[in-house]
């Protein structure tokens, strides 16, 4: 047995076969739900894996998951891992041209897709020559163009529920396509052993690292159950799928919704006695606060002991509002990426005054991007991680050479985030280098200004972007969504509020009010949109 994700999952199944593994609650209001034990999920994944093998898919070929959240999503990922087929996430918001790019760039040989996306899939197919096997979940909408695809239930029924697979390897691949908010998406190639230790609990950010593959199941057998984890973002984003697999690796129960709906999330927390929940920043936490203050007031959230965020931070103001409503919960701002897995967790004193401060793992450093050497305390550099890191970007040797490097005997990945480190090893994340605003030679990182803006009582959400300026090169612009019923603040009001939290050069010089802030389904910022809106706001 190796550090292979399918082997590890099967080892957990064998010690807790009757434990409930996965609960899927369908579209809000329908009341439809499905539940599978570990043995039931294993058998369902076996059936689909055998179907894929019988359909001619070979180890190492790529299968795209163009799906909403559902049992089919995680079942398909497991089926791929069992059959040594490489799973590839597909952003379901992509339009036809973006799908053509991703299907081709990822060299997809197979696709499992939701019937709702039939028209977009049909439009992309003529330009994706390698894609030869399609499986459809659900019934196509009326008028959808014909697509030669097998129904998911038929594909599942055709395969054996038994295992009977060949030997697997720790070198088997898992590809995570990035969101593409700063350019076209890139496929991050992970060896499964590296992914296990960087992002799936093997490196144990708390507790002892896993010392041998068999130890994982031994821990599950000895530890009992009682943990219910609720990843609320779309599984199409790597973080959410990896979060679910952390739960599987430790024998926990995973609850998922088809889509994020705040009131339904709170009903599920109460009904399923959810103990831990993951989300993406204020964009998901604020609606939960609004629901708890409104129609869901009095919801019993006492079962929860942690809420974690990655991909975007929960601001100090919003965290305090949620803490007042659910006082016993621990709120964790985790930091990581598709290229690094888990890096660290924010300190308690993170906030607008001190910045986003992290206690990082022992494999993370701040380095000079020109020399790759560690920076001295207080000097800005780029975050980097060593050891269990990806092999590179699929089909992109140029970007791989820019991002991954060798230092001594170890492989490193250079992340996009600028940061400093202090004498105690605490890292302060400044922000994405690609989003940095240069105004008169001073560097302004949007995330810092956004935190200050969100502490204003009338601001519901905000993004910050640079706008060309004849004198300063760029100036800081704030794109703001107000709270319902809030008075329209002036630019002077916003500036006065921010001056108590930010240096003068970081203060927004332009304010653009918008009905809603555009983000990805997982809550990540869309800075291209923000820049366009800020410029048009002139």
Protein backbone atom coordinates (compact mmCIF):
# COMPACT_ATOMS: atom_id res chain seq x y z
CA UNK A 1 0.00 0.00 0.00
CA UNK A 2 1.27 3.45 -0.97
CA UNK A 3 0.18 7.02 -0.29
CA UNK A 4 -2.40 6.73 -3.06
CA UNK A 5 -5.74 8.45 -2.44
CA UNK A 6 -7.86 5.50 -3.60
CA UNK A 7 -5.84 3.06 -1.48
CA UNK A 8 -6.18 5.33 1.54
CA UNK A 9 -9.93 5.73 1.05
CA UNK A 10 -10.43 1.98 0.72
CA UNK A 11 -8.43 1.40 3.90
CA UNK A 12 -10.82 3.72 5.78
CA UNK A 13 -13.85 2.00 4.25
CA UNK A 14 -12.62 -1.34 5.50
CA UNK A 15 -12.54 -0.22 9.15
CA UNK A 16 -15.80 1.81 9.22
CA UNK A 17 -17.96 0.37 6.41
CA UNK A 18 -21.29 1.11 8.10
CA UNK A 19 -20.48 4.67 9.14
CA UNK A 20 -22.36 7.36 7.21
CA UNK A 21 -19.93 8.98 4.75
CA UNK A 22 -21.85 11.38 2.54
CA UNK A 23 -25.14 13.30 2.72
CA UNK A 24 -26.33 15.30 -0.27
CA UNK A 25 -29.21 17.73 0.15
CA UNK A 26 -30.60 18.75 -3.22
CA UNK A 27 -31.79 22.14 -4.42
CA UNK A 28 -33.19 24.22 -1.53
CA UNK A 29 -36.84 23.66 -0.84
CA UNK A 30 -37.17 20.27 -2.55
CA UNK A 31 -36.42 18.27 0.57
CA UNK A 32 -34.65 15.65 -1.57
CA UNK A 33 -31.59 14.06 -0.02
CA UNK A 34 -29.35 11.02 -0.45
CA UNK A 35 -27.19 9.27 2.12
CA UNK A 36 -24.39 6.78 1.62
CA UNK A 37 -22.31 4.84 4.10
CA UNK A 38 -18.59 4.38 3.50
CA UNK A 39 -19.30 0.91 2.08
CA UNK A 40 -22.11 2.33 -0.08
CA UNK A 41 -19.96 5.13 -1.47
CA UNK A 42 -17.13 2.69 -2.13
CA UNK A 43 -19.43 0.36 -4.08
CA UNK A 44 -20.92 3.26 -6.07
CA UNK A 45 -17.44 4.49 -7.00
CA UNK A 46 -16.40 0.93 -7.95
CA UNK A 47 -19.35 0.64 -10.33
CA UNK A 48 -18.48 3.85 -12.15
CA UNK A 49 -14.76 3.04 -12.21
CA UNK A 50 -15.42 -0.33 -13.86
CA UNK A 51 -17.69 1.36 -16.39
CA UNK A 52 -14.96 3.84 -17.31
CA UNK A 53 -12.41 1.05 -17.73
CA UNK A 54 -14.87 -1.03 -19.77
CA UNK A 55 -15.48 2.03 -21.99
CA UNK A 56 -11.82 2.05 -22.98
CA UNK A 57 -10.39 4.73 -20.70
CA UNK A 58 -6.81 3.96 -19.75
CA UNK A 59 -4.69 4.84 -16.69
CA UNK A 60 -3.29 8.34 -17.02
CA UNK A 61 -6.06 9.65 -19.32
CA UNK A 62 -8.01 12.70 -18.17
CA UNK A 63 -11.69 12.98 -17.22
CA UNK A 64 -13.44 16.32 -16.70
CA UNK A 65 -16.04 16.92 -13.98
CA UNK A 66 -18.46 19.56 -15.29
CA UNK A 67 -20.91 19.25 -12.40
CA UNK A 68 -22.74 20.98 -9.62
CA UNK A 69 -22.23 19.66 -6.10
CA UNK A 70 -23.71 16.21 -5.63
CA UNK A 71 -22.91 12.63 -4.76
CA UNK A 72 -22.05 12.13 -8.44
CA UNK A 73 -19.19 14.61 -8.15
CA UNK A 74 -17.33 12.91 -5.31
CA UNK A 75 -18.30 9.46 -6.60
CA UNK A 76 -16.73 10.31 -9.97
CA UNK A 77 -13.53 11.63 -8.38
CA UNK A 78 -13.22 8.39 -6.38
CA UNK A 79 -13.97 6.32 -9.49
CA UNK A 80 -11.17 8.09 -11.36
CA UNK A 81 -8.72 7.51 -8.52
CA UNK A 82 -9.63 3.82 -8.33
CA UNK A 83 -9.17 3.35 -12.08
CA UNK A 84 -5.98 5.51 -12.19
CA UNK A 85 -7.77 8.03 -14.45
CA UNK A 86 -6.86 11.66 -13.74
CA UNK A 87 -9.78 13.80 -12.47
CA UNK A 88 -9.93 17.39 -13.78
CA UNK A 89 -12.29 20.02 -12.34
CA UNK A 90 -14.28 22.19 -14.78
CA UNK A 91 -15.71 25.57 -13.79
CA UNK A 92 -19.44 25.32 -14.50
CA UNK A 93 -19.69 29.07 -15.07
CA UNK A 94 -17.51 28.87 -18.17
CA UNK A 95 -19.15 29.71 -21.48
CA UNK A 96 -18.54 27.79 -24.68
CA UNK A 97 -15.23 29.41 -25.69
CA UNK A 98 -13.75 28.97 -22.21
CA UNK A 99 -14.86 25.33 -22.17
CA UNK A 100 -13.20 24.69 -25.53
CA UNK A 101 -9.96 26.09 -24.10
CA UNK A 102 -10.10 23.98 -20.93
CA UNK A 103 -11.28 20.74 -22.60
CA UNK A 104 -8.42 21.05 -25.11
CA UNK A 105 -5.74 22.30 -22.70
CA UNK A 106 -6.51 19.46 -20.28
CA UNK A 107 -6.59 16.83 -23.08
CA UNK A 108 -9.89 15.47 -21.80
CA UNK A 109 -10.70 11.97 -22.99
CA UNK A 110 -13.97 11.76 -21.02
CA UNK A 111 -16.47 14.12 -19.44
CA UNK A 112 -19.14 13.73 -16.76
CA UNK A 113 -21.51 16.71 -16.96
CA UNK A 114 -24.78 17.96 -15.56
CA UNK A 115 -27.64 17.93 -18.06
CA UNK A 116 -28.21 21.65 -17.47
CA UNK A 117 -24.94 22.31 -19.33
CA UNK A 118 -25.90 20.28 -22.42
CA UNK A 119 -26.06 23.25 -24.79
CA UNK A 120 -22.60 24.53 -23.82
CA UNK A 121 -21.11 21.03 -24.00
CA UNK A 122 -22.69 20.48 -27.45
CA UNK A 123 -21.19 23.74 -28.68
CA UNK A 124 -17.70 22.85 -27.46
CA UNK A 125 -17.60 19.23 -28.66
CA UNK A 126 -16.82 19.81 -32.37
CA UNK A 127 -13.53 21.51 -31.38
CA UNK A 128 -12.42 18.96 -28.75
CA UNK A 129 -11.21 16.05 -30.85
CA UNK A 130 -9.78 13.96 -27.99
CA UNK A 131 -13.01 13.93 -25.96
CA UNK A 132 -14.60 10.58 -26.84
CA UNK A 133 -16.71 9.40 -23.87
CA UNK A 134 -19.49 11.42 -22.21
CA UNK A 135 -21.69 10.64 -19.22
CA UNK A 136 -24.65 12.90 -18.43
CA UNK A 137 -26.19 13.45 -14.98
CA UNK A 138 -29.93 14.15 -15.16
CA UNK A 139 -32.34 14.92 -17.99
CA UNK A 140 -31.52 17.61 -20.58
CA UNK A 141 -33.80 20.66 -20.58
CA UNK A 142 -36.43 20.94 -23.34
CA UNK A 143 -34.95 22.03 -26.64
CA UNK A 144 -31.37 21.09 -25.71
CA UNK A 145 -29.26 19.99 -28.71
CA UNK A 146 -28.55 16.28 -29.01
CA UNK A 147 -25.33 15.05 -27.39
CA UNK A 148 -24.16 11.46 -27.57
CA UNK A 149 -23.84 10.72 -23.87
CA UNK A 150 -24.68 7.82 -21.57
CA UNK A 151 -27.00 8.47 -18.65
CA UNK A 152 -25.11 8.41 -15.34
CA UNK A 153 -27.47 5.86 -13.76
CA UNK A 154 -26.93 3.52 -16.72
CA UNK A 155 -23.17 3.93 -16.52
CA UNK A 156 -23.22 3.19 -12.80
CA UNK A 157 -25.48 0.15 -13.21
CA UNK A 158 -23.20 -1.32 -15.87
CA UNK A 159 -20.19 -1.67 -13.57
CA UNK A 160 -19.38 -4.17 -10.83
CA UNK A 161 -19.68 -2.99 -7.19
CA UNK A 162 -16.56 -4.98 -6.29
CA UNK A 163 -13.04 -3.59 -6.34
CA UNK A 164 -10.80 -5.84 -8.40
CA UNK A 165 -8.49 -3.07 -9.61
CA UNK A 166 -4.79 -3.30 -10.33
CA UNK A 167 -1.99 -1.87 -8.21
CA UNK A 168 -1.86 1.90 -7.88
CA UNK A 169 0.99 4.32 -7.26
CA UNK A 170 1.81 7.33 -5.10
CA UNK A 171 2.86 8.92 -8.43
CA UNK A 172 -0.68 8.79 -9.85
CA UNK A 173 -1.77 12.32 -10.78
CA UNK A 174 -4.52 14.62 -9.55
CA UNK A 175 -4.97 17.82 -11.60
CA UNK A 176 -6.56 20.98 -10.18
CA UNK A 177 -7.36 23.76 -12.62
CA UNK A 178 -7.03 27.23 -11.10
CA UNK A 179 -9.86 29.72 -11.28
CA UNK A 180 -8.29 31.92 -13.93
CA UNK A 181 -9.22 35.27 -12.31
CA UNK A 182 -5.86 36.73 -13.43
CA UNK A 183 -5.59 34.93 -16.79
CA UNK A 184 -6.52 31.66 -18.47
CA UNK A 185 -6.81 28.74 -16.06
CA UNK A 186 -3.83 26.46 -15.52
CA UNK A 187 -3.84 22.79 -14.50
CA UNK A 188 -1.77 22.16 -11.39
CA UNK A 189 -0.28 18.64 -11.53
CA UNK A 190 -0.04 16.93 -8.15
CA UNK A 191 1.43 13.55 -7.33
CA UNK A 192 -1.12 12.00 -4.99
CA UNK A 193 1.43 11.44 -2.22
CA UNK A 194 2.43 15.11 -2.34
CA UNK A 195 -1.21 16.21 -2.31
CA UNK A 196 -1.93 14.00 0.70
CA UNK A 197 0.86 15.58 2.72
CA UNK A 198 0.29 19.16 1.56
CA UNK A 199 -3.47 19.49 1.45
CA UNK A 200 -5.27 16.38 2.68
CA UNK A 201 -4.25 16.03 6.31
CA UNK A 202 -1.22 13.79 5.93
CA UNK A 203 1.10 16.54 7.09
CA UNK A 204 -1.22 17.15 10.07
CA UNK A 205 -1.27 20.92 10.66
CA UNK A 206 -2.49 19.93 14.11
CA UNK A 207 -1.33 16.67 15.65
CA UNK A 208 1.23 14.16 14.41
CA UNK A 209 1.92 13.60 10.69
CA UNK A 210 0.89 10.26 9.24
CA UNK A 211 3.97 8.02 9.36
CA UNK A 212 2.87 5.19 7.05
CA UNK A 213 -0.17 4.57 4.78
CA UNK A 214 -1.75 1.96 7.07
CA UNK A 215 -1.70 4.39 9.98
CA UNK A 216 -4.57 6.44 8.55
CA UNK A 217 -7.12 3.63 8.91
CA UNK A 218 -5.73 2.72 12.32
CA UNK A 219 -6.40 6.26 13.52
CA UNK A 220 -9.95 6.17 12.14
CA UNK A 221 -10.66 2.83 13.83
CA UNK A 222 -9.36 4.09 17.16
CA UNK A 223 -10.83 7.59 17.03
CA UNK A 224 -14.57 7.06 16.79
CA UNK A 225 -16.93 9.29 14.83
CA UNK A 226 -19.10 12.28 15.69
CA UNK A 227 -17.57 14.80 13.26
CA UNK A 228 -19.79 16.19 10.49
CA UNK A 229 -18.01 18.45 8.01
CA UNK A 230 -19.95 20.77 5.71
CA UNK A 231 -17.95 22.19 2.75
CA UNK A 232 -20.32 24.85 1.39
CA UNK A 233 -18.43 26.17 -1.71
CA UNK A 234 -18.70 24.48 -5.12
CA UNK A 235 -16.74 21.24 -5.39
CA UNK A 236 -15.52 22.41 -8.82
CA UNK A 237 -13.00 24.54 -6.90
CA UNK A 238 -10.13 22.40 -5.72
CA UNK A 239 -10.27 23.61 -2.13
CA UNK A 240 -13.79 22.33 -1.55
CA UNK A 241 -13.10 18.87 -3.01
CA UNK A 242 -9.89 18.59 -1.01
CA UNK A 243 -11.78 19.60 2.13
CA UNK A 244 -14.23 16.75 1.53
CA UNK A 245 -11.33 14.33 1.11
CA UNK A 246 -9.77 15.46 4.37
CA UNK A 247 -13.03 14.38 5.97
CA UNK A 248 -13.00 11.02 4.20
CA UNK A 249 -9.37 10.44 5.19
CA UNK A 250 -10.35 10.73 8.84
CA UNK A 251 -13.62 8.82 8.67
CA UNK A 252 -15.86 11.85 9.06
CA UNK A 253 -19.33 12.46 7.68
CA UNK A 254 -19.48 14.95 4.78
CA UNK A 255 -22.59 17.02 4.06
CA UNK A 256 -22.98 18.91 0.77
CA UNK A 257 -25.61 21.10 -0.87
CA UNK A 258 -26.18 21.40 -4.61
CA UNK A 259 -25.79 25.18 -4.34
CA UNK A 260 -25.10 27.68 -1.56
CA UNK A 261 -28.31 29.10 -0.07
CA UNK A 262 -27.87 30.77 3.35
CA UNK A 263 -31.17 29.79 4.94
CA UNK A 264 -30.83 26.18 3.80
CA UNK A 265 -27.25 26.05 5.08
CA UNK A 266 -28.46 27.06 8.53
CA UNK A 267 -31.30 24.52 8.46
CA UNK A 268 -28.79 21.83 7.59
CA UNK A 269 -26.43 22.87 10.39
CA UNK A 270 -29.26 22.46 12.88
CA UNK A 271 -30.72 19.26 11.39
CA UNK A 272 -27.47 17.39 10.73
CA UNK A 273 -25.65 18.67 13.86
CA UNK A 274 -22.78 20.01 11.73
CA UNK A 275 -19.58 20.37 13.72
CA UNK A 276 -17.28 22.05 11.14
CA UNK A 277 -18.03 24.16 8.10
CA UNK A 278 -15.85 25.63 5.38
CA UNK A 279 -16.67 28.65 3.25
CA UNK A 280 -14.97 31.43 1.31
CA UNK A 281 -14.67 34.73 3.15
CA UNK A 282 -17.20 37.44 3.81
CA UNK A 283 -19.10 36.71 0.59
CA UNK A 284 -20.46 33.55 2.25
CA UNK A 285 -20.31 34.53 5.92
CA UNK A 286 -22.26 37.80 5.58
CA UNK A 287 -25.40 36.15 4.12
CA UNK A 288 -25.37 33.66 7.02
CA UNK A 289 -25.24 36.57 9.47
CA UNK A 290 -28.13 38.30 7.68
CA UNK A 291 -30.19 35.10 7.85
CA UNK A 292 -29.44 34.59 11.56
CA UNK A 293 -30.49 38.17 12.22
CA UNK A 294 -33.62 37.73 10.11
CA UNK A 295 -35.68 34.73 8.99
CA UNK A 296 -33.42 32.13 10.65
CA UNK A 297 -33.13 33.88 13.99
CA UNK A 298 -32.92 31.31 16.78
CA UNK A 299 -31.42 28.54 14.61
CA UNK A 300 -29.56 26.08 16.83
CA UNK A 301 -25.88 26.25 15.77
CA UNK A 302 -24.56 24.91 19.08
CA UNK A 303 -23.14 21.75 17.45
CA UNK A 304 -20.56 23.78 15.52
CA UNK A 305 -17.07 24.26 16.90
CA UNK A 306 -15.27 25.63 13.82
CA UNK A 307 -15.83 27.66 10.66
CA UNK A 308 -12.86 27.89 8.31
CA UNK A 309 -12.29 30.06 5.28
CA UNK A 310 -9.78 29.75 2.46
CA UNK A 311 -9.56 31.53 -0.88
CA UNK A 312 -10.69 34.80 0.73
CA UNK A 313 -10.46 36.07 4.28
CA UNK A 314 -13.23 36.60 6.80
CA UNK A 315 -12.71 40.24 7.78
CA UNK A 316 -12.38 41.26 11.40
CA UNK A 317 -15.72 43.10 11.39
CA UNK A 318 -17.70 40.24 9.87
CA UNK A 319 -16.05 37.67 12.14
CA UNK A 320 -17.08 39.69 15.19
CA UNK A 321 -20.69 39.87 13.95
CA UNK A 322 -20.86 36.10 13.47
CA UNK A 323 -19.12 35.43 16.79
CA UNK A 324 -21.80 37.47 18.57
CA UNK A 325 -24.49 35.22 17.09
CA UNK A 326 -22.62 31.90 17.49
CA UNK A 327 -20.31 32.57 20.46
CA UNK A 328 -18.81 29.10 20.88
CA UNK A 329 -17.54 28.69 17.33
CA UNK A 330 -13.86 29.04 16.41
CA UNK A 331 -13.32 31.12 13.24
CA UNK A 332 -10.22 30.18 11.22
CA UNK A 333 -8.78 32.12 8.31
CA UNK A 334 -6.72 29.44 6.57
CA UNK A 335 -4.26 30.22 3.83
CA UNK A 336 -3.32 28.05 0.89
CA UNK A 337 -3.58 27.68 -2.87
CA UNK A 338 -3.98 25.18 -5.69
CA UNK A 339 -0.20 25.24 -6.04
CA UNK A 340 0.71 24.77 -2.37
CA UNK A 341 -2.09 23.09 -0.46
CA UNK A 342 -2.24 24.31 3.15
CA UNK A 343 0.26 26.97 4.27
CA UNK A 344 -0.99 28.28 7.59
CA UNK A 345 -3.69 29.90 9.71
CA UNK A 346 -4.18 33.56 10.60
CA UNK A 347 -3.19 34.75 14.06
CA UNK A 348 -5.77 36.19 16.44
CA UNK A 349 -4.40 39.71 16.01
CA UNK A 350 -4.85 39.76 12.22
CA UNK A 351 -6.88 42.73 11.07
CA UNK A 352 -6.82 46.13 9.35
CA UNK A 353 -4.26 47.56 11.79
CA UNK A 354 -1.65 44.77 11.67
CA UNK A 355 -2.53 43.07 8.40
CA UNK A 356 -3.22 39.42 7.56
CA UNK A 357 -0.73 37.62 9.82
CA UNK A 358 -0.09 33.88 9.51
CA UNK A 359 1.49 31.13 11.52
CA UNK A 360 2.86 29.10 8.63
CA UNK A 361 4.01 25.50 8.46
CA UNK A 362 7.70 24.63 8.55
CA UNK A 363 7.84 24.24 4.74
CA UNK A 364 6.74 27.82 3.96
CA UNK A 365 9.17 30.77 3.64
CA UNK A 366 9.25 34.30 2.28
CA UNK A 367 11.91 34.51 -0.45
CA UNK A 368 13.44 37.03 -2.82
CA UNK A 369 11.83 36.14 -6.20
CA UNK A 370 15.06 37.01 -8.03
CA UNK A 371 17.45 34.87 -5.98
CA UNK A 372 15.04 32.44 -4.22
CA UNK A 373 16.91 33.14 -0.99
CA UNK A 374 15.01 33.90 2.26
CA UNK A 375 14.41 37.61 2.87
CA UNK A 376 15.52 39.31 6.06
CA UNK A 377 12.75 40.11 8.57
CA UNK A 378 10.69 43.09 7.47
CA UNK A 379 11.68 42.97 3.81
CA UNK A 380 8.95 42.12 1.27
CA UNK A 381 9.25 38.96 -0.79
CA UNK A 382 7.16 36.18 -2.28
CA UNK A 383 5.69 33.29 -0.36
CA UNK A 384 7.22 29.95 -1.33
CA UNK A 385 6.80 26.36 -0.19
CA UNK A 386 9.18 23.41 -0.41
CA UNK A 387 8.94 19.65 -0.25
CA UNK A 388 5.57 18.19 -1.16
CA UNK A 389 4.72 20.56 -4.01
CA UNK A 390 3.21 19.98 -7.49
CA UNK A 391 5.17 18.83 -10.51
CA UNK A 392 4.15 21.92 -12.47
CA UNK A 393 1.39 23.14 -14.78
CA UNK A 394 -0.05 20.74 -17.32
CA UNK A 395 0.80 21.65 -20.92
CA UNK A 396 2.59 24.84 -19.84
CA UNK A 397 6.38 24.48 -19.49
CA UNK A 398 6.90 28.27 -19.58
CA UNK A 399 4.63 28.95 -16.60
CA UNK A 400 6.08 25.93 -14.83
CA UNK A 401 9.60 27.38 -15.17
CA UNK A 402 8.37 30.73 -13.76
CA UNK A 403 6.64 29.22 -10.74
CA UNK A 404 8.58 26.11 -9.72
CA UNK A 405 12.28 26.00 -8.88
CA UNK A 406 14.93 23.78 -7.35
CA UNK A 407 17.00 24.85 -4.33
CA UNK A 408 19.49 22.29 -3.19
CA UNK A 409 17.85 18.88 -3.16
CA UNK A 410 14.33 20.23 -2.75
CA UNK A 411 11.66 21.34 -5.16
CA UNK A 412 9.93 24.66 -4.40
CA UNK A 413 6.85 26.51 -5.63
CA UNK A 414 6.82 30.31 -5.78
CA UNK A 415 3.36 31.62 -4.91
CA UNK A 416 1.78 34.81 -6.21
CA UNK A 417 1.42 36.43 -2.80
CA UNK A 418 3.76 39.12 -1.53
CA UNK A 419 4.59 38.95 2.18
CA UNK A 420 6.99 39.88 4.96
CA UNK A 421 8.19 37.81 7.91
CA UNK A 422 9.10 39.02 11.40
CA UNK A 423 11.74 37.83 13.88
CA UNK A 424 9.30 35.30 15.38
CA UNK A 425 8.50 33.74 12.01
CA UNK A 426 5.02 35.26 11.73
CA UNK A 427 4.24 36.01 8.07
CA UNK A 428 2.20 39.06 7.06
CA UNK A 429 0.54 38.53 3.67
CA UNK A 430 0.45 41.77 1.69
CA UNK A 431 -1.60 40.48 -1.23
CA UNK A 432 -1.33 39.11 -4.73
CA UNK A 433 1.61 40.64 -6.55
CA UNK A 434 -0.45 40.75 -9.76
CA UNK A 435 -3.13 42.88 -8.03
CA UNK A 436 -0.69 45.28 -6.34
CA UNK A 437 -1.45 48.96 -7.07
CA UNK A 438 1.58 51.17 -7.65
CA UNK A 439 0.59 54.73 -6.77
CA UNK A 440 3.40 57.28 -6.87
CA UNK A 441 5.93 54.53 -6.19
CA UNK A 442 4.07 53.25 -3.12
CA UNK A 443 2.69 49.70 -3.13
CA UNK A 444 -0.95 49.16 -2.12
CA UNK A 445 -2.40 45.66 -1.77
CA UNK A 446 -6.18 45.54 -2.33
CA UNK A 447 -6.97 43.07 0.46
CA UNK A 448 -5.73 45.47 3.14
CA UNK A 449 -7.92 48.33 1.88
CA UNK A 450 -10.90 45.99 1.47
CA UNK A 451 -10.72 45.01 5.14
CA UNK A 452 -10.82 48.67 6.16
CA UNK A 453 -13.76 49.35 3.86
CA UNK A 454 -15.76 46.40 5.20
CA UNK A 455 -15.45 47.71 8.74
CA UNK A 456 -17.64 50.70 7.68
CA UNK A 457 -21.18 50.13 9.02
CA UNK A 458 -22.84 50.87 5.66
CA UNK A 459 -20.54 48.67 3.52
CA UNK A 460 -21.73 45.14 2.76
CA UNK A 461 -18.92 44.10 0.39
CA UNK A 462 -16.04 45.75 -1.44
CA UNK A 463 -13.26 45.20 -3.95
CA UNK A 464 -10.33 47.52 -4.61
CA UNK A 465 -8.52 48.12 -7.90
CA UNK A 466 -6.03 50.52 -9.42
CA UNK A 467 -7.20 53.15 -11.93
CA UNK A 468 -4.74 54.92 -14.27
CA UNK A 469 -3.73 58.36 -13.00
CA UNK A 470 -1.70 60.93 -15.00
CA UNK A 471 0.14 62.16 -11.92
CA UNK A 472 0.59 59.06 -9.74
CA UNK A 473 0.55 56.27 -12.33
CA UNK A 474 -2.46 54.70 -10.60
CA UNK A 475 -4.76 55.64 -7.77
CA UNK A 476 -6.82 53.47 -5.45
CA UNK A 477 -10.49 52.96 -6.37
CA UNK A 478 -13.11 51.29 -4.17
CA UNK A 479 -16.03 49.38 -5.70
CA UNK A 480 -18.60 49.11 -2.92
CA UNK A 481 -21.87 47.27 -2.37
CA UNK A 482 -23.91 48.91 0.39
CA UNK A 483 -26.06 47.23 3.00
CA UNK A 484 -29.79 47.17 2.25
CA UNK A 485 -31.33 50.43 3.43
CA UNK A 486 -27.99 52.13 4.06
CA UNK A 487 -27.57 55.80 3.27
CA UNK A 488 -25.30 56.54 0.29
CA UNK A 489 -21.93 57.53 1.75
CA UNK A 490 -19.83 60.13 0.00
CA UNK A 491 -16.21 59.58 -0.98
CA UNK A 492 -15.28 61.91 1.88
CA UNK A 493 -17.21 59.70 4.34
CA UNK A 494 -15.32 56.63 3.15
CA UNK A 495 -11.97 58.39 3.24
CA UNK A 496 -12.56 59.68 6.78
CA UNK A 497 -13.40 56.16 7.95
CA UNK A 498 -10.33 54.63 6.28
CA UNK A 499 -7.87 57.23 7.59
CA UNK A 500 -8.12 55.73 11.07
CA UNK A 501 -6.96 52.37 9.69
CA UNK A 502 -4.71 53.05 6.69
CA UNK A 503 -1.77 55.20 5.67
CA UNK A 504 -2.71 58.17 3.50
CA UNK A 505 -1.46 56.75 0.20
CA UNK A 506 -3.72 53.70 0.64
CA UNK A 507 -6.93 55.75 0.99
CA UNK A 508 -9.37 55.30 -1.96
CA UNK A 509 -9.44 58.31 -4.28
CA UNK A 510 -12.50 57.06 -6.13
CA UNK A 511 -15.73 55.47 -4.91
CA UNK A 512 -17.99 53.48 -7.22
CA UNK A 513 -21.25 52.13 -5.79
CA UNK A 514 -22.67 48.97 -7.34
CA UNK A 515 -25.76 46.86 -6.71
CA UNK A 516 -23.65 43.76 -6.16
CA UNK A 517 -20.01 42.71 -6.10
CA UNK A 518 -19.11 40.14 -8.75
CA UNK A 519 -17.35 37.09 -7.36
CA UNK A 520 -16.88 33.49 -8.39
CA UNK A 521 -19.40 30.94 -7.05
CA UNK A 522 -16.89 30.14 -4.31
CA UNK A 523 -16.66 33.78 -3.20
CA UNK A 524 -13.26 34.60 -4.72
CA UNK A 525 -12.71 38.16 -5.90
CA UNK A 526 -13.04 38.99 -9.62
CA UNK A 527 -10.44 41.75 -9.93
CA UNK A 528 -10.73 42.06 -13.69
CA UNK A 529 -14.38 42.97 -13.20
CA UNK A 530 -13.49 45.39 -10.38
CA UNK A 531 -10.91 47.20 -12.51
CA UNK A 532 -13.39 47.59 -15.36
CA UNK A 533 -16.14 48.88 -13.07
CA UNK A 534 -13.74 51.25 -11.28
CA UNK A 535 -12.57 52.68 -14.62
CA UNK A 536 -16.14 53.04 -15.95
CA UNK A 537 -17.13 54.71 -12.69
CA UNK A 538 -15.18 57.80 -13.73
